[in-house]
């Protein structure tokens, strides 16, 4: 039911993935899944706030909203919470599939850093790009090898920082599921129109640098590491999250749109 789940996600972006999957599995068509889902939501809204089912649903929403990559079949792979106020226009990263079956990625979530608009959200242009032929490392400056998977010119991403115990992340525009073949790697890139548009995770206990502080982007610092990435960032190619199927590995931060 991956295709039905994907369509439901576009129509009901705030509904937890578990409910979307349940609706898809219980239906033989998209129309049936929509009817199933709207009926379930109506029944849920009539449940007294003090009941135990309401509490468990809220916990499910909080858990899934923190996801960075959501996988078909209601599996979620997420990175750790941000540990600094660092941000960038965007970020390259790879998805490496170590399983013996293909994986469909039905949603990617991100958030803006606390440096955006003095800590307040605002509309941004947000794009998602994919390199289906393999890793994005070393291919960042080759636009012909990348496919735009989605664009929203007025998306308001949540703002997150190290002070948020349960930060919220928003799904980025995506026109179709992304297939990561068994044993293969796919490169992804999230780009925005603001230097604080994407919050970036730093090495534990070492947060501090940010693209917005660098001379290339109007700041006064010239302290990037030798590889051209912010100081104290993870090494290129380092694995920052993985499960039995997928691993997320680090890439460069991006330049401004255009």
C-alpha atoms as a PDB file:
ATOM      1  CA  UNK A   1       0.000   0.000   0.000  1.00  0.00           C
ATOM      2  CA  UNK A   2       2.996   2.364  -0.297  1.00  0.00           C
ATOM      3  CA  UNK A   3       1.425   4.399  -3.101  1.00  0.00           C
ATOM      4  CA  UNK A   4      -1.825   4.869  -1.143  1.00  0.00           C
ATOM      5  CA  UNK A   5       0.160   5.894   1.948  1.00  0.00           C
ATOM      6  CA  UNK A   6       2.044   8.448  -0.129  1.00  0.00           C
ATOM      7  CA  UNK A   7      -1.167   9.977  -1.519  1.00  0.00           C
ATOM      8  CA  UNK A   8      -2.751  10.093   1.951  1.00  0.00           C
ATOM      9  CA  UNK A   9       0.322  11.879   3.331  1.00  0.00           C
ATOM     10  CA  UNK A  10      -0.096  14.666   0.797  1.00  0.00           C
ATOM     11  CA  UNK A  11      -3.777  15.046   1.711  1.00  0.00           C
ATOM     12  CA  UNK A  12      -3.436  14.607   5.489  1.00  0.00           C
ATOM     13  CA  UNK A  13       0.054  15.915   6.408  1.00  0.00           C
ATOM     14  CA  UNK A  14      -0.702  16.183  10.138  1.00  0.00           C
ATOM     15  CA  UNK A  15      -2.029  12.628  10.564  1.00  0.00           C
ATOM     16  CA  UNK A  16       0.451  10.177  12.179  1.00  0.00           C
ATOM     17  CA  UNK A  17       2.022   7.678   9.739  1.00  0.00           C
ATOM     18  CA  UNK A  18       0.599   4.733  11.728  1.00  0.00           C
ATOM     19  CA  UNK A  19      -2.956   5.876  10.987  1.00  0.00           C
ATOM     20  CA  UNK A  20      -2.162   6.431   7.302  1.00  0.00           C
ATOM     21  CA  UNK A  21      -0.711   2.926   7.019  1.00  0.00           C
ATOM     22  CA  UNK A  22      -3.721   1.408   8.795  1.00  0.00           C
ATOM     23  CA  UNK A  23      -6.106   3.144   6.403  1.00  0.00           C
ATOM     24  CA  UNK A  24      -4.104   1.953   3.379  1.00  0.00           C
ATOM     25  CA  UNK A  25      -3.914  -1.659   4.589  1.00  0.00           C
ATOM     26  CA  UNK A  26      -7.646  -1.756   5.298  1.00  0.00           C
ATOM     27  CA  UNK A  27      -8.580  -0.450   1.838  1.00  0.00           C
ATOM     28  CA  UNK A  28      -8.294  -1.588  -1.753  1.00  0.00           C
ATOM     29  CA  UNK A  29      -8.324   1.916  -3.244  1.00  0.00           C
ATOM     30  CA  UNK A  30      -7.432   5.492  -2.381  1.00  0.00           C
ATOM     31  CA  UNK A  31     -11.103   6.476  -2.099  1.00  0.00           C
ATOM     32  CA  UNK A  32     -11.742   3.698   0.410  1.00  0.00           C
ATOM     33  CA  UNK A  33      -8.667   4.707   2.400  1.00  0.00           C
ATOM     34  CA  UNK A  34      -9.866   8.327   2.570  1.00  0.00           C
ATOM     35  CA  UNK A  35     -13.279   7.175   3.813  1.00  0.00           C
ATOM     36  CA  UNK A  36     -11.655   4.884   6.372  1.00  0.00           C
ATOM     37  CA  UNK A  37      -9.348   7.634   7.597  1.00  0.00           C
ATOM     38  CA  UNK A  38     -12.012  10.342   7.903  1.00  0.00           C
ATOM     39  CA  UNK A  39     -14.272   7.908   9.792  1.00  0.00           C
ATOM     40  CA  UNK A  40     -11.428   7.052  12.172  1.00  0.00           C
ATOM     41  CA  UNK A  41     -10.683  10.743  12.758  1.00  0.00           C
ATOM     42  CA  UNK A  42     -14.346  11.452  13.494  1.00  0.00           C
ATOM     43  CA  UNK A  43     -14.450   8.607  16.010  1.00  0.00           C
ATOM     44  CA  UNK A  44     -11.219   9.796  17.614  1.00  0.00           C
ATOM     45  CA  UNK A  45     -12.510  13.367  17.997  1.00  0.00           C
ATOM     46  CA  UNK A  46     -15.504  12.056  19.961  1.00  0.00           C
ATOM     47  CA  UNK A  47     -13.291  10.225  22.491  1.00  0.00           C
ATOM     48  CA  UNK A  48     -13.273  11.949  25.936  1.00  0.00           C
ATOM     49  CA  UNK A  49      -9.963  13.773  26.595  1.00  0.00           C
ATOM     50  CA  UNK A  50      -9.452  11.815  29.822  1.00  0.00           C
ATOM     51  CA  UNK A  51      -9.456   8.408  28.114  1.00  0.00           C
ATOM     52  CA  UNK A  52      -6.292   6.331  27.758  1.00  0.00           C
ATOM     53  CA  UNK A  53      -6.591   6.107  23.952  1.00  0.00           C
ATOM     54  CA  UNK A  54      -6.260   9.885  23.652  1.00  0.00           C
ATOM     55  CA  UNK A  55      -2.999   9.810  25.593  1.00  0.00           C
ATOM     56  CA  UNK A  56      -1.481   7.049  23.474  1.00  0.00           C
ATOM     57  CA  UNK A  57      -2.411   8.851  20.239  1.00  0.00           C
ATOM     58  CA  UNK A  58      -0.719  12.021  21.439  1.00  0.00           C
ATOM     59  CA  UNK A  59       2.458  10.087  22.204  1.00  0.00           C
ATOM     60  CA  UNK A  60       2.412   8.554  18.724  1.00  0.00           C
ATOM     61  CA  UNK A  61       2.128  11.998  17.132  1.00  0.00           C
ATOM     62  CA  UNK A  62       5.049  13.347  19.171  1.00  0.00           C
ATOM     63  CA  UNK A  63       7.245  10.388  18.300  1.00  0.00           C
ATOM     64  CA  UNK A  64       6.601  10.524  14.557  1.00  0.00           C
ATOM     65  CA  UNK A  65       6.860  14.302  14.273  1.00  0.00           C
ATOM     66  CA  UNK A  66      10.536  14.074  15.242  1.00  0.00           C
ATOM     67  CA  UNK A  67      11.377  11.856  12.285  1.00  0.00           C
ATOM     68  CA  UNK A  68      13.874  12.913   9.660  1.00  0.00           C
ATOM     69  CA  UNK A  69      13.157  10.097   7.209  1.00  0.00           C
ATOM     70  CA  UNK A  70       9.874   8.191   7.123  1.00  0.00           C
ATOM     71  CA  UNK A  71       9.764   4.831   5.381  1.00  0.00           C
ATOM     72  CA  UNK A  72       6.931   2.954   3.709  1.00  0.00           C
ATOM     73  CA  UNK A  73       5.511   0.372   6.101  1.00  0.00           C
ATOM     74  CA  UNK A  74       5.369   2.836   9.011  1.00  0.00           C
ATOM     75  CA  UNK A  75       9.071   2.568   9.740  1.00  0.00           C
ATOM     76  CA  UNK A  76      10.855   5.731  10.825  1.00  0.00           C
ATOM     77  CA  UNK A  77      14.568   6.532  10.860  1.00  0.00           C
ATOM     78  CA  UNK A  78      15.442   9.670  12.796  1.00  0.00           C
ATOM     79  CA  UNK A  79      18.581  11.519  13.800  1.00  0.00           C
ATOM     80  CA  UNK A  80      19.217  12.865  17.287  1.00  0.00           C
ATOM     81  CA  UNK A  81      17.740  16.188  18.366  1.00  0.00           C
ATOM     82  CA  UNK A  82      19.733  19.267  17.344  1.00  0.00           C
ATOM     83  CA  UNK A  83      22.354  20.197  19.918  1.00  0.00           C
ATOM     84  CA  UNK A  84      23.190  23.764  18.869  1.00  0.00           C
ATOM     85  CA  UNK A  85      21.760  26.724  16.997  1.00  0.00           C
ATOM     86  CA  UNK A  86      23.643  25.985  13.790  1.00  0.00           C
ATOM     87  CA  UNK A  87      21.981  26.344  10.411  1.00  0.00           C
ATOM     88  CA  UNK A  88      22.588  26.423   6.675  1.00  0.00           C
ATOM     89  CA  UNK A  89      20.804  27.071   3.361  1.00  0.00           C
ATOM     90  CA  UNK A  90      20.487  23.314   3.024  1.00  0.00           C
ATOM     91  CA  UNK A  91      22.169  19.984   3.366  1.00  0.00           C
ATOM     92  CA  UNK A  92      23.350  17.071   1.239  1.00  0.00           C
ATOM     93  CA  UNK A  93      23.102  13.575   2.707  1.00  0.00           C
ATOM     94  CA  UNK A  94      23.040   9.982   1.488  1.00  0.00           C
ATOM     95  CA  UNK A  95      20.688   7.087   2.183  1.00  0.00           C
ATOM     96  CA  UNK A  96      22.507   3.733   2.122  1.00  0.00           C
ATOM     97  CA  UNK A  97      20.368   0.591   1.883  1.00  0.00           C
ATOM     98  CA  UNK A  98      22.070  -2.474   3.403  1.00  0.00           C
ATOM     99  CA  UNK A  99      18.969  -4.679   3.174  1.00  0.00           C
ATOM    100  CA  UNK A 100      18.168  -7.339   0.587  1.00  0.00           C
ATOM    101  CA  UNK A 101      15.008  -5.523  -0.517  1.00  0.00           C
ATOM    102  CA  UNK A 102      14.250  -2.085  -1.892  1.00  0.00           C
ATOM    103  CA  UNK A 103      13.085   0.667   0.467  1.00  0.00           C
ATOM    104  CA  UNK A 104      10.563   3.371  -0.449  1.00  0.00           C
ATOM    105  CA  UNK A 105      11.026   6.681   1.333  1.00  0.00           C
ATOM    106  CA  UNK A 106       7.639   8.363   1.566  1.00  0.00           C
ATOM    107  CA  UNK A 107       8.578  11.473   3.528  1.00  0.00           C
ATOM    108  CA  UNK A 108      11.539  13.578   4.675  1.00  0.00           C
ATOM    109  CA  UNK A 109      11.205  16.038   7.544  1.00  0.00           C
ATOM    110  CA  UNK A 110      13.383  18.955   8.602  1.00  0.00           C
ATOM    111  CA  UNK A 111      13.252  22.240  10.526  1.00  0.00           C
ATOM    112  CA  UNK A 112      14.861  25.675  10.472  1.00  0.00           C
ATOM    113  CA  UNK A 113      17.512  26.735  12.951  1.00  0.00           C
ATOM    114  CA  UNK A 114      16.999  29.249  15.742  1.00  0.00           C
ATOM    115  CA  UNK A 115      18.850  31.852  13.666  1.00  0.00           C
ATOM    116  CA  UNK A 116      15.868  32.237  11.335  1.00  0.00           C
ATOM    117  CA  UNK A 117      13.975  35.513  11.709  1.00  0.00           C
ATOM    118  CA  UNK A 118      15.061  35.981  15.344  1.00  0.00           C
ATOM    119  CA  UNK A 119      13.675  32.576  16.251  1.00  0.00           C
ATOM    120  CA  UNK A 120      10.317  32.979  14.501  1.00  0.00           C
ATOM    121  CA  UNK A 121       9.186  30.979  11.496  1.00  0.00           C
ATOM    122  CA  UNK A 122       8.519  32.633   8.139  1.00  0.00           C
ATOM    123  CA  UNK A 123       7.730  31.429   4.593  1.00  0.00           C
ATOM    124  CA  UNK A 124      10.723  29.971   2.759  1.00  0.00           C
ATOM    125  CA  UNK A 125      11.328  28.356  -0.594  1.00  0.00           C
ATOM    126  CA  UNK A 126      12.136  24.711   0.132  1.00  0.00           C
ATOM    127  CA  UNK A 127      13.275  22.139  -2.415  1.00  0.00           C
ATOM    128  CA  UNK A 128      14.040  18.420  -2.244  1.00  0.00           C
ATOM    129  CA  UNK A 129      16.497  16.944  -4.761  1.00  0.00           C
ATOM    130  CA  UNK A 130      17.501  13.334  -5.393  1.00  0.00           C
ATOM    131  CA  UNK A 131      20.458  11.677  -7.128  1.00  0.00           C
ATOM    132  CA  UNK A 132      19.142   8.232  -7.944  1.00  0.00           C
ATOM    133  CA  UNK A 133      22.426   6.998  -9.468  1.00  0.00           C
ATOM    134  CA  UNK A 134      24.333   6.859  -6.164  1.00  0.00           C
ATOM    135  CA  UNK A 135      26.063   9.022  -3.565  1.00  0.00           C
ATOM    136  CA  UNK A 136      25.835  12.792  -3.797  1.00  0.00           C
ATOM    137  CA  UNK A 137      29.406  13.244  -2.533  1.00  0.00           C
ATOM    138  CA  UNK A 138      31.501  14.692  -5.326  1.00  0.00           C
ATOM    139  CA  UNK A 139      28.395  15.351  -7.438  1.00  0.00           C
ATOM    140  CA  UNK A 140      27.109  18.461  -5.664  1.00  0.00           C
ATOM    141  CA  UNK A 141      28.004  20.788  -8.544  1.00  0.00           C
ATOM    142  CA  UNK A 142      26.519  18.610 -11.285  1.00  0.00           C
ATOM    143  CA  UNK A 143      22.869  19.699 -11.601  1.00  0.00           C
ATOM    144  CA  UNK A 144      22.222  17.366 -14.540  1.00  0.00           C
ATOM    145  CA  UNK A 145      22.642  14.356 -12.239  1.00  0.00           C
ATOM    146  CA  UNK A 146      19.953  15.507  -9.799  1.00  0.00           C
ATOM    147  CA  UNK A 147      16.165  15.340 -10.025  1.00  0.00           C
ATOM    148  CA  UNK A 148      13.948  17.827  -8.205  1.00  0.00           C
ATOM    149  CA  UNK A 149      11.444  15.828  -6.165  1.00  0.00           C
ATOM    150  CA  UNK A 150       9.431  18.785  -4.897  1.00  0.00           C
ATOM    151  CA  UNK A 151       9.326  22.534  -4.261  1.00  0.00           C
ATOM    152  CA  UNK A 152       7.240  24.828  -2.053  1.00  0.00           C
ATOM    153  CA  UNK A 153       7.840  28.574  -2.399  1.00  0.00           C
ATOM    154  CA  UNK A 154       6.077  29.517   0.852  1.00  0.00           C
ATOM    155  CA  UNK A 155       6.712  26.717   3.364  1.00  0.00           C
ATOM    156  CA  UNK A 156       6.906  27.683   7.034  1.00  0.00           C
ATOM    157  CA  UNK A 157       9.305  25.253   8.691  1.00  0.00           C
ATOM    158  CA  UNK A 158       9.246  24.904  12.486  1.00  0.00           C
ATOM    159  CA  UNK A 159      12.178  26.557  14.272  1.00  0.00           C
ATOM    160  CA  UNK A 160      14.176  24.239  16.541  1.00  0.00           C
ATOM    161  CA  UNK A 161      17.138  24.638  18.890  1.00  0.00           C
ATOM    162  CA  UNK A 162      18.987  22.763  21.613  1.00  0.00           C
ATOM    163  CA  UNK A 163      16.458  24.134  24.126  1.00  0.00           C
ATOM    164  CA  UNK A 164      13.516  22.217  22.591  1.00  0.00           C
ATOM    165  CA  UNK A 165      12.869  18.986  24.473  1.00  0.00           C
ATOM    166  CA  UNK A 166      10.359  17.758  21.877  1.00  0.00           C
ATOM    167  CA  UNK A 167      11.014  19.728  18.665  1.00  0.00           C
ATOM    168  CA  UNK A 168       8.601  19.580  15.734  1.00  0.00           C
ATOM    169  CA  UNK A 169       9.741  18.866  12.185  1.00  0.00           C
ATOM    170  CA  UNK A 170       7.819  19.525   8.948  1.00  0.00           C
ATOM    171  CA  UNK A 171       7.625  17.297   5.894  1.00  0.00           C
ATOM    172  CA  UNK A 172       9.346  18.808   2.854  1.00  0.00           C
ATOM    173  CA  UNK A 173       7.668  18.819  -0.590  1.00  0.00           C
ATOM    174  CA  UNK A 174       7.957  15.464  -2.342  1.00  0.00           C
ATOM    175  CA  UNK A 175       6.050  14.521  -5.506  1.00  0.00           C
ATOM    176  CA  UNK A 176       6.632  10.752  -5.384  1.00  0.00           C
ATOM    177  CA  UNK A 177       8.202   8.065  -3.195  1.00  0.00           C
ATOM    178  CA  UNK A 178      11.991   7.758  -3.401  1.00  0.00           C
ATOM    179  CA  UNK A 179      13.197   4.218  -4.090  1.00  0.00           C
ATOM    180  CA  UNK A 180      16.505   3.136  -2.538  1.00  0.00           C
ATOM    181  CA  UNK A 181      17.390  -0.174  -4.247  1.00  0.00           C
ATOM    182  CA  UNK A 182      18.721  -3.070  -2.167  1.00  0.00           C
ATOM    183  CA  UNK A 183      22.428  -2.662  -1.526  1.00  0.00           C
ATOM    184  CA  UNK A 184      22.532   0.757  -3.191  1.00  0.00           C
ATOM    185  CA  UNK A 185      22.938   4.405  -2.184  1.00  0.00           C
ATOM    186  CA  UNK A 186      20.794   7.409  -3.109  1.00  0.00           C
ATOM    187  CA  UNK A 187      21.844  11.032  -2.613  1.00  0.00           C
ATOM    188  CA  UNK A 188      19.394  13.617  -1.274  1.00  0.00           C
ATOM    189  CA  UNK A 189      19.578  17.379  -0.902  1.00  0.00           C
ATOM    190  CA  UNK A 190      17.308  19.793   0.955  1.00  0.00           C
ATOM    191  CA  UNK A 191      17.707  23.435  -0.141  1.00  0.00           C
ATOM    192  CA  UNK A 192      16.054  26.581   1.197  1.00  0.00           C
ATOM    193  CA  UNK A 193      16.143  30.317   0.508  1.00  0.00           C
ATOM    194  CA  UNK A 194      17.612  31.285   3.907  1.00  0.00           C
ATOM    195  CA  UNK A 195      21.023  30.702   5.471  1.00  0.00           C
ATOM    196  CA  UNK A 196      19.236  29.489   8.624  1.00  0.00           C
ATOM    197  CA  UNK A 197      16.675  27.466   6.674  1.00  0.00           C
ATOM    198  CA  UNK A 198      17.887  24.026   7.807  1.00  0.00           C
ATOM    199  CA  UNK A 199      19.042  23.207  11.330  1.00  0.00           C
ATOM    200  CA  UNK A 200      22.179  21.063  11.300  1.00  0.00           C
ATOM    201  CA  UNK A 201      23.370  18.591  13.920  1.00  0.00           C
ATOM    202  CA  UNK A 202      26.903  19.020  15.235  1.00  0.00           C
ATOM    203  CA  UNK A 203      29.243  16.577  16.974  1.00  0.00           C
ATOM    204  CA  UNK A 204      28.111  15.935  20.578  1.00  0.00           C
ATOM    205  CA  UNK A 205      29.301  18.679  22.894  1.00  0.00           C
ATOM    206  CA  UNK A 206      30.965  20.637  20.082  1.00  0.00           C
ATOM    207  CA  UNK A 207      28.228  22.788  18.582  1.00  0.00           C
ATOM    208  CA  UNK A 208      29.120  26.351  17.692  1.00  0.00           C
ATOM    209  CA  UNK A 209      29.863  27.044  14.046  1.00  0.00           C
ATOM    210  CA  UNK A 210      27.231  27.882  11.448  1.00  0.00           C
ATOM    211  CA  UNK A 211      27.207  28.924   7.794  1.00  0.00           C
ATOM    212  CA  UNK A 212      25.518  32.213   8.711  1.00  0.00           C
ATOM    213  CA  UNK A 213      28.647  33.209  10.661  1.00  0.00           C
ATOM    214  CA  UNK A 214      31.020  32.724   7.740  1.00  0.00           C
ATOM    215  CA  UNK A 215      32.392  35.427   5.457  1.00  0.00           C
ATOM    216  CA  UNK A 216      31.003  33.675   2.376  1.00  0.00           C
ATOM    217  CA  UNK A 217      27.480  34.397   3.607  1.00  0.00           C
ATOM    218  CA  UNK A 218      27.896  37.878   5.071  1.00  0.00           C
ATOM    219  CA  UNK A 219      29.437  37.011   8.435  1.00  0.00           C
ATOM    220  CA  UNK A 220      32.917  37.787   9.701  1.00  0.00           C
ATOM    221  CA  UNK A 221      34.342  34.324  10.289  1.00  0.00           C
ATOM    222  CA  UNK A 222      36.708  32.427   7.988  1.00  0.00           C
ATOM    223  CA  UNK A 223      37.052  29.373  10.207  1.00  0.00           C
ATOM    224  CA  UNK A 224      35.635  26.564   8.071  1.00  0.00           C
ATOM    225  CA  UNK A 225      37.500  23.295   8.276  1.00  0.00           C
ATOM    226  CA  UNK A 226      39.877  22.206   5.538  1.00  0.00           C
ATOM    227  CA  UNK A 227      37.083  20.293   3.783  1.00  0.00           C
ATOM    228  CA  UNK A 228      34.946  23.430   3.509  1.00  0.00           C
ATOM    229  CA  UNK A 229      32.398  22.376   6.105  1.00  0.00           C
ATOM    230  CA  UNK A 230      31.588  24.154   9.394  1.00  0.00           C
ATOM    231  CA  UNK A 231      34.047  23.487  12.204  1.00  0.00           C
ATOM    232  CA  UNK A 232      32.889  20.772  14.631  1.00  0.00           C
ATOM    233  CA  UNK A 233      30.496  19.345  12.055  1.00  0.00           C
ATOM    234  CA  UNK A 234      30.413  15.602  11.424  1.00  0.00           C
ATOM    235  CA  UNK A 235      32.949  14.239   8.942  1.00  0.00           C
ATOM    236  CA  UNK A 236      31.844  13.816   5.344  1.00  0.00           C
ATOM    237  CA  UNK A 237      30.396  10.344   4.902  1.00  0.00           C
ATOM    238  CA  UNK A 238      29.967   9.799   8.640  1.00  0.00           C
ATOM    239  CA  UNK A 239      26.884   7.793   9.640  1.00  0.00           C
ATOM    240  CA  UNK A 240      24.575   9.775  11.908  1.00  0.00           C
ATOM    241  CA  UNK A 241      21.605   7.394  12.066  1.00  0.00           C
ATOM    242  CA  UNK A 242      20.894   3.852  10.933  1.00  0.00           C
ATOM    243  CA  UNK A 243      18.645   0.857  11.444  1.00  0.00           C
ATOM    244  CA  UNK A 244      18.586  -2.668  10.010  1.00  0.00           C
ATOM    245  CA  UNK A 245      17.885  -1.333   6.496  1.00  0.00           C
ATOM    246  CA  UNK A 246      19.015   2.264   6.014  1.00  0.00           C
ATOM    247  CA  UNK A 247      21.844   4.521   7.096  1.00  0.00           C
ATOM    248  CA  UNK A 248      21.927   8.330   6.829  1.00  0.00           C
ATOM    249  CA  UNK A 249      25.406   9.652   6.055  1.00  0.00           C
ATOM    250  CA  UNK A 250      26.636  13.249   6.069  1.00  0.00           C
ATOM    251  CA  UNK A 251      27.372  15.531   3.152  1.00  0.00           C
ATOM    252  CA  UNK A 252      28.150  19.207   2.584  1.00  0.00           C
ATOM    253  CA  UNK A 253      25.917  22.139   3.412  1.00  0.00           C
ATOM    254  CA  UNK A 254      24.520  23.930   0.338  1.00  0.00           C
ATOM    255  CA  UNK A 255      24.719  27.372  -1.221  1.00  0.00           C
ATOM    256  CA  UNK A 256      21.742  29.685  -1.621  1.00  0.00           C
ATOM    257  CA  UNK A 257      19.030  28.913  -4.183  1.00  0.00           C
ATOM    258  CA  UNK A 258      19.878  30.322  -7.587  1.00  0.00           C
END
